[in-house]
Amino acid sequence: MTRFDFNARARLYLGRDRATALAQGAKTFRTAAEAIRFATEEAAPVSLHGALLVVGQEGYSGARIKALYASGNYPLRRKADLADQFS
């Protein structure tokens, strides 16, 4: 498996299904890590059902987005990490 580039520019499509996500259009992010954080922490959970993260020529589904967020290689602090810091 190739190494995922969390620093690459990314486009994120969100929707309850793939057709809805594509019809609503993409939100562009400076980095894939920021797109993943937005999809996981800010977007409605149902919107991950049809999610598509596009980095370069590769597309990643909602399940893969969640896996990238949970990865030990994910470079940003997670919302839960920040909440624990102030508890």
N, C-alpha and C. Protein backbone atom coordinates (compact mmCIF):
# COMPACT_ATOMS: atom_id res chain seq x y z
N MET A 1 0.84 -1.19 0.00
CA MET A 1 0.00 0.00 0.00
C MET A 1 0.89 1.25 0.00
N THR A 2 0.51 2.23 -0.80
CA THR A 2 1.29 3.46 -0.84
C THR A 2 0.99 4.32 0.37
N ARG A 3 1.94 5.15 0.72
CA ARG A 3 1.78 6.04 1.87
C ARG A 3 0.85 7.18 1.49
N PHE A 4 -0.10 7.48 2.35
CA PHE A 4 -1.06 8.54 2.12
C PHE A 4 -0.40 9.89 2.41
N ASP A 5 -0.61 10.87 1.53
CA ASP A 5 -0.04 12.20 1.70
C ASP A 5 -1.06 13.13 2.37
N PHE A 6 -0.96 13.27 3.68
CA PHE A 6 -1.87 14.12 4.44
C PHE A 6 -1.69 15.60 4.11
N ASN A 7 -0.56 15.97 3.49
CA ASN A 7 -0.29 17.38 3.19
C ASN A 7 -0.72 17.80 1.79
N ALA A 8 -1.22 16.88 1.01
CA ALA A 8 -1.65 17.19 -0.36
C ALA A 8 -2.98 17.93 -0.34
N ARG A 9 -3.20 18.76 -1.37
CA ARG A 9 -4.50 19.43 -1.52
C ARG A 9 -5.57 18.37 -1.70
N ALA A 10 -6.80 18.68 -1.27
CA ALA A 10 -7.87 17.69 -1.34
C ALA A 10 -9.21 18.34 -1.64
N ARG A 11 -10.08 17.54 -2.25
CA ARG A 11 -11.47 17.93 -2.46
C ARG A 11 -12.33 16.94 -1.71
N LEU A 12 -13.35 17.45 -1.03
CA LEU A 12 -14.21 16.61 -0.21
C LEU A 12 -15.65 16.79 -0.66
N TYR A 13 -16.29 15.68 -0.99
CA TYR A 13 -17.70 15.65 -1.34
C TYR A 13 -18.43 14.96 -0.19
N LEU A 14 -19.50 15.58 0.31
CA LEU A 14 -20.26 15.01 1.42
C LEU A 14 -21.73 14.91 1.06
N GLY A 15 -22.38 13.83 1.49
CA GLY A 15 -23.81 13.66 1.27
C GLY A 15 -24.26 12.30 1.78
N ARG A 16 -25.56 12.16 1.94
CA ARG A 16 -26.08 10.90 2.49
C ARG A 16 -25.86 9.72 1.55
N ASP A 17 -25.63 10.01 0.26
CA ASP A 17 -25.24 8.99 -0.70
C ASP A 17 -24.32 9.64 -1.72
N ARG A 18 -23.67 8.83 -2.54
CA ARG A 18 -22.67 9.35 -3.45
C ARG A 18 -23.27 10.33 -4.46
N ALA A 19 -24.47 10.04 -4.97
CA ALA A 19 -25.09 10.93 -5.95
C ALA A 19 -25.34 12.32 -5.35
N THR A 20 -25.83 12.36 -4.11
CA THR A 20 -26.08 13.63 -3.43
C THR A 20 -24.77 14.37 -3.19
N ALA A 21 -23.75 13.65 -2.76
CA ALA A 21 -22.45 14.26 -2.49
C ALA A 21 -21.88 14.91 -3.75
N LEU A 22 -21.93 14.19 -4.85
CA LEU A 22 -21.40 14.73 -6.10
C LEU A 22 -22.24 15.90 -6.61
N ALA A 23 -23.55 15.82 -6.44
CA ALA A 23 -24.43 16.90 -6.90
C ALA A 23 -24.20 18.19 -6.11
N GLN A 24 -23.86 18.07 -4.83
CA GLN A 24 -23.63 19.25 -3.99
C GLN A 24 -22.28 19.90 -4.28
N GLY A 25 -21.39 19.16 -4.90
CA GLY A 25 -20.08 19.71 -5.25
C GLY A 25 -19.07 19.55 -4.13
N ALA A 26 -17.85 19.87 -4.47
CA ALA A 26 -16.72 19.66 -3.56
C ALA A 26 -16.40 20.91 -2.75
N LYS A 27 -15.89 20.66 -1.57
CA LYS A 27 -15.28 21.70 -0.74
C LYS A 27 -13.78 21.43 -0.85
N THR A 28 -13.00 22.46 -1.14
CA THR A 28 -11.56 22.29 -1.34
C THR A 28 -10.81 22.64 -0.05
N PHE A 29 -9.79 21.85 0.24
CA PHE A 29 -8.98 22.05 1.44
C PHE A 29 -7.51 22.14 1.06
N ARG A 30 -6.78 22.94 1.81
CA ARG A 30 -5.35 23.11 1.58
C ARG A 30 -4.61 21.80 1.79
N THR A 31 -5.06 21.00 2.78
CA THR A 31 -4.44 19.69 3.02
C THR A 31 -5.51 18.63 3.20
N ALA A 32 -5.14 17.40 2.88
CA ALA A 32 -6.04 16.27 3.08
C ALA A 32 -6.35 16.09 4.56
N ALA A 33 -5.38 16.35 5.42
CA ALA A 33 -5.60 16.22 6.87
C ALA A 33 -6.74 17.15 7.32
N GLU A 34 -6.77 18.38 6.80
CA GLU A 34 -7.84 19.32 7.15
C GLU A 34 -9.19 18.83 6.63
N ALA A 35 -9.21 18.26 5.44
CA ALA A 35 -10.45 17.72 4.88
C ALA A 35 -10.96 16.56 5.72
N ILE A 36 -10.05 15.70 6.13
CA ILE A 36 -10.41 14.54 6.96
C ILE A 36 -10.95 15.01 8.30
N ARG A 37 -10.30 16.00 8.89
CA ARG A 37 -10.78 16.52 10.18
C ARG A 37 -12.18 17.12 10.02
N PHE A 38 -12.39 17.91 8.97
CA PHE A 38 -13.70 18.50 8.74
C PHE A 38 -14.76 17.41 8.58
N ALA A 39 -14.48 16.41 7.77
CA ALA A 39 -15.45 15.34 7.51
C ALA A 39 -15.79 14.57 8.79
N THR A 40 -14.80 14.37 9.63
CA THR A 40 -14.98 13.55 10.83
C THR A 40 -15.51 14.33 12.02
N GLU A 41 -15.05 15.56 12.19
CA GLU A 41 -15.39 16.32 13.40
C GLU A 41 -16.51 17.35 13.19
N GLU A 42 -16.67 17.88 12.00
CA GLU A 42 -17.61 18.99 11.78
C GLU A 42 -18.85 18.62 10.98
N ALA A 43 -18.70 17.77 9.99
CA ALA A 43 -19.83 17.43 9.12
C ALA A 43 -20.80 16.50 9.83
N ALA A 44 -22.04 16.51 9.39
CA ALA A 44 -23.04 15.60 9.94
C ALA A 44 -22.61 14.16 9.69
N PRO A 45 -22.73 13.29 10.68
CA PRO A 45 -22.29 11.91 10.51
C PRO A 45 -22.91 11.21 9.29
N VAL A 46 -24.15 11.52 8.99
CA VAL A 46 -24.80 10.88 7.84
C VAL A 46 -24.12 11.26 6.53
N SER A 47 -23.47 12.40 6.49
CA SER A 47 -22.84 12.84 5.25
C SER A 47 -21.62 12.00 4.87
N LEU A 48 -21.09 11.22 5.82
CA LEU A 48 -19.97 10.34 5.50
C LEU A 48 -20.42 9.11 4.70
N HIS A 49 -21.73 8.83 4.70
CA HIS A 49 -22.23 7.66 3.96
C HIS A 49 -21.91 7.77 2.48
N GLY A 50 -22.04 8.94 1.91
CA GLY A 50 -21.76 9.14 0.49
C GLY A 50 -20.48 9.90 0.23
N ALA A 51 -19.67 10.09 1.28
CA ALA A 51 -18.48 10.92 1.17
C ALA A 51 -17.47 10.38 0.16
N LEU A 52 -16.78 11.32 -0.45
CA LEU A 52 -15.67 11.01 -1.35
C LEU A 52 -14.59 12.06 -1.11
N LEU A 53 -13.43 11.61 -0.71
CA LEU A 53 -12.26 12.46 -0.54
C LEU A 53 -11.36 12.20 -1.74
N VAL A 54 -11.04 13.26 -2.48
CA VAL A 54 -10.18 13.12 -3.66
C VAL A 54 -8.86 13.81 -3.38
N VAL A 55 -7.79 13.02 -3.45
CA VAL A 55 -6.43 13.51 -3.25
C VAL A 55 -5.64 13.07 -4.48
N GLY A 56 -5.23 14.03 -5.27
CA GLY A 56 -4.58 13.69 -6.54
C GLY A 56 -5.58 12.98 -7.42
N GLN A 57 -5.24 11.80 -7.88
CA GLN A 57 -6.13 11.01 -8.73
C GLN A 57 -6.83 9.90 -7.96
N GLU A 58 -6.64 9.85 -6.64
CA GLU A 58 -7.21 8.78 -5.80
C GLU A 58 -8.45 9.26 -5.07
N GLY A 59 -9.44 8.38 -4.96
CA GLY A 59 -10.67 8.67 -4.22
C GLY A 59 -10.79 7.75 -3.02
N TYR A 60 -11.32 8.27 -1.92
CA TYR A 60 -11.45 7.52 -0.67
C TYR A 60 -12.87 7.67 -0.15
N SER A 61 -13.48 6.56 0.22
CA SER A 61 -14.86 6.54 0.71
C SER A 61 -14.92 6.98 2.17
N GLY A 62 -16.14 7.09 2.69
CA GLY A 62 -16.34 7.48 4.08
C GLY A 62 -15.65 6.57 5.06
N ALA A 63 -15.70 5.25 4.82
CA ALA A 63 -15.04 4.30 5.72
C ALA A 63 -13.53 4.52 5.72
N ARG A 64 -12.97 4.79 4.57
CA ARG A 64 -11.53 5.02 4.46
C ARG A 64 -11.15 6.35 5.10
N ILE A 65 -12.02 7.35 4.99
CA ILE A 65 -11.78 8.64 5.64
C ILE A 65 -11.69 8.44 7.15
N LYS A 66 -12.62 7.67 7.71
CA LYS A 66 -12.60 7.38 9.15
C LYS A 66 -11.31 6.65 9.55
N ALA A 67 -10.89 5.71 8.71
CA ALA A 67 -9.67 4.96 9.00
C ALA A 67 -8.44 5.86 8.95
N LEU A 68 -8.40 6.78 8.00
CA LEU A 68 -7.27 7.72 7.93
C LEU A 68 -7.24 8.62 9.16
N TYR A 69 -8.41 9.05 9.63
CA TYR A 69 -8.50 9.89 10.82
C TYR A 69 -8.00 9.13 12.06
N ALA A 70 -8.32 7.85 12.13
CA ALA A 70 -7.92 7.03 13.28
C ALA A 70 -6.46 6.57 13.20
N SER A 71 -5.85 6.72 12.05
CA SER A 71 -4.49 6.26 11.82
C SER A 71 -3.48 6.95 12.74
N GLY A 72 -2.49 6.21 13.13
CA GLY A 72 -1.40 6.78 13.90
C GLY A 72 -0.59 7.80 13.11
N ASN A 73 -0.74 7.80 11.80
CA ASN A 73 -0.02 8.75 10.93
C ASN A 73 -0.77 10.07 10.76
N TYR A 74 -2.01 10.14 11.23
CA TYR A 74 -2.79 11.37 11.08
C TYR A 74 -2.05 12.50 11.81
N PRO A 75 -1.72 13.60 11.12
CA PRO A 75 -0.80 14.60 11.68
C PRO A 75 -1.43 15.67 12.58
N LEU A 76 -2.73 15.83 12.56
CA LEU A 76 -3.35 16.91 13.34
C LEU A 76 -3.88 16.39 14.67
N ARG A 77 -4.04 17.30 15.62
CA ARG A 77 -4.66 16.93 16.89
C ARG A 77 -6.14 16.70 16.67
N ARG A 78 -6.64 15.66 17.26
CA ARG A 78 -8.06 15.33 17.14
C ARG A 78 -8.86 16.09 18.19
N LYS A 79 -10.12 16.34 17.89
CA LYS A 79 -11.00 17.06 18.81
C LYS A 79 -11.02 16.38 20.18
N ALA A 80 -11.07 15.06 20.20
CA ALA A 80 -11.09 14.32 21.47
C ALA A 80 -9.80 14.55 22.25
N ASP A 81 -8.68 14.64 21.54
CA ASP A 81 -7.38 14.89 22.21
C ASP A 81 -7.40 16.25 22.90
N LEU A 82 -7.95 17.24 22.21
CA LEU A 82 -8.02 18.59 22.77
C LEU A 82 -8.96 18.64 23.98
N ALA A 83 -10.08 17.92 23.91
CA ALA A 83 -11.03 17.89 25.03
C ALA A 83 -10.39 17.25 26.25
N ASP A 84 -9.61 16.18 26.04
CA ASP A 84 -8.92 15.52 27.14
C ASP A 84 -7.89 16.45 27.78
N GLN A 85 -7.28 17.30 26.98
CA GLN A 85 -6.25 18.21 27.47
C GLN A 85 -6.85 19.20 28.48
N PHE A 86 -8.10 19.58 28.29
CA PHE A 86 -8.71 20.59 29.16
C PHE A 86 -9.62 19.98 30.22
N SER A 87 -9.62 18.66 30.35
CA SER A 87 -10.46 18.00 31.36
C SER A 87 -9.80 17.99 32.70
